[in-house]
């Protein structure tokens, strides 16, 4: 389950451009349709709660991870969600420092 959580939220973090609302179809497809971790009602409740917090996409991954696999699941899902951004920013910083356009 941990690898599935990581992979699902890694994909969400990698392909979710445009903010939380733009990512909703991808998130819904992963957590409801593909893995059947939560119901549509729970999805709606978690989206509502996460939209009231800073960083709604990250908070949503934490909530789903906690719901599915408790604290380890929350940590793994959150890490999977933020890792693509960290990799992209690190690569851009590396090229910026080395190329110095």
Protein backbone atom coordinates (compact mmCIF):
# COMPACT_ATOMS: atom_id res chain seq x y z
CA UNK A 1 0.00 0.00 0.00
CA UNK A 2 2.88 2.38 0.73
CA UNK A 3 4.34 2.04 -2.74
CA UNK A 4 0.89 2.62 -4.25
CA UNK A 5 0.41 5.74 -2.11
CA UNK A 6 3.81 7.07 -3.09
CA UNK A 7 3.33 6.36 -6.81
CA UNK A 8 -0.21 7.77 -6.96
CA UNK A 9 0.73 11.03 -5.28
CA UNK A 10 4.02 11.25 -7.17
CA UNK A 11 1.99 11.22 -10.40
CA UNK A 12 -0.41 13.79 -8.99
CA UNK A 13 2.47 16.05 -7.96
CA UNK A 14 4.17 15.59 -11.32
CA UNK A 15 1.16 16.27 -13.54
CA UNK A 16 -0.89 18.75 -11.51
CA UNK A 17 -0.30 22.12 -13.12
CA UNK A 18 -2.60 25.03 -12.47
CA UNK A 19 -3.27 24.56 -8.77
CA UNK A 20 -5.53 22.38 -6.69
CA UNK A 21 -8.74 22.85 -8.66
CA UNK A 22 -7.06 21.94 -11.94
CA UNK A 23 -5.73 18.74 -10.38
CA UNK A 24 -9.08 17.54 -9.02
CA UNK A 25 -9.88 15.21 -11.96
CA UNK A 26 -6.46 13.55 -11.70
CA UNK A 27 -6.73 13.22 -7.92
CA UNK A 28 -10.24 11.81 -8.19
CA UNK A 29 -9.17 9.31 -10.83
CA UNK A 30 -6.27 8.08 -8.69
CA UNK A 31 -7.82 7.87 -5.23
CA UNK A 32 -11.40 6.91 -6.15
CA UNK A 33 -11.36 5.14 -9.52
CA UNK A 34 -7.95 3.48 -9.69
CA UNK A 35 -7.17 2.50 -6.09
CA UNK A 36 -10.63 2.76 -4.45
CA UNK A 37 -9.10 4.20 -1.29
CA UNK A 38 -11.96 6.57 -0.50
CA UNK A 39 -15.57 7.14 -1.55
CA UNK A 40 -16.86 10.14 -3.48
CA UNK A 41 -18.40 11.54 -0.27
CA UNK A 42 -15.13 11.21 1.63
CA UNK A 43 -13.31 12.79 -1.34
CA UNK A 44 -15.65 15.78 -1.21
CA UNK A 45 -15.18 16.12 2.56
CA UNK A 46 -11.38 15.94 2.30
CA UNK A 47 -11.31 18.47 -0.54
CA UNK A 48 -13.43 20.83 1.54
CA UNK A 49 -11.14 20.51 4.55
CA UNK A 50 -7.94 20.78 2.53
CA UNK A 51 -9.12 23.94 0.75
CA UNK A 52 -9.29 25.66 4.13
CA UNK A 53 -5.59 25.01 4.77
CA UNK A 54 -2.42 26.38 3.19
CA UNK A 55 -1.16 24.18 0.37
CA UNK A 56 -4.39 22.31 -0.39
CA UNK A 57 -2.83 19.67 -2.66
CA UNK A 58 -0.19 18.77 -0.09
CA UNK A 59 -2.74 18.71 2.69
CA UNK A 60 -5.05 16.49 0.64
CA UNK A 61 -2.26 13.96 0.08
CA UNK A 62 -1.57 13.96 3.82
CA UNK A 63 -5.26 13.43 4.63
CA UNK A 64 -5.63 10.55 2.16
CA UNK A 65 -2.41 8.91 3.33
CA UNK A 66 -3.58 9.18 6.94
CA UNK A 67 -6.98 7.80 6.02
CA UNK A 68 -5.52 4.83 4.13
CA UNK A 69 -2.40 3.90 6.12
CA UNK A 70 -2.19 6.10 9.24
CA UNK A 71 0.96 8.12 9.98
CA UNK A 72 3.36 6.22 7.67
CA UNK A 73 0.85 6.57 4.84
CA UNK A 74 0.49 10.31 5.48
CA UNK A 75 4.25 10.80 5.37
CA UNK A 76 4.72 8.69 2.24
CA UNK A 77 1.83 10.30 0.35
CA UNK A 78 3.02 13.80 1.24
CA UNK A 79 6.59 12.96 0.23
CA UNK A 80 5.37 11.53 -3.07
CA UNK A 81 3.35 14.67 -3.74
CA UNK A 82 6.18 17.15 -3.13
CA UNK A 83 9.08 15.14 -4.57
CA UNK A 84 8.43 16.01 -8.26
CA UNK A 85 8.51 19.73 -7.46
CA UNK A 86 11.73 19.33 -5.47
CA UNK A 87 13.37 17.44 -8.33
CA UNK A 88 12.26 20.00 -10.92
CA UNK A 89 13.40 23.00 -8.86
CA UNK A 90 16.74 21.31 -8.10
CA UNK A 91 17.35 20.62 -11.80
CA UNK A 92 16.46 24.18 -12.74
CA UNK A 93 18.74 25.56 -10.03
CA UNK A 94 21.58 23.32 -11.18
CA UNK A 95 21.25 24.49 -14.78
CA UNK A 96 20.87 28.10 -13.74
CA UNK A 97 24.03 28.02 -11.63
CA UNK A 98 26.08 26.17 -14.24
CA UNK A 99 24.89 27.94 -17.38
CA UNK A 100 24.53 31.48 -15.97
CA UNK A 101 22.67 32.91 -18.92
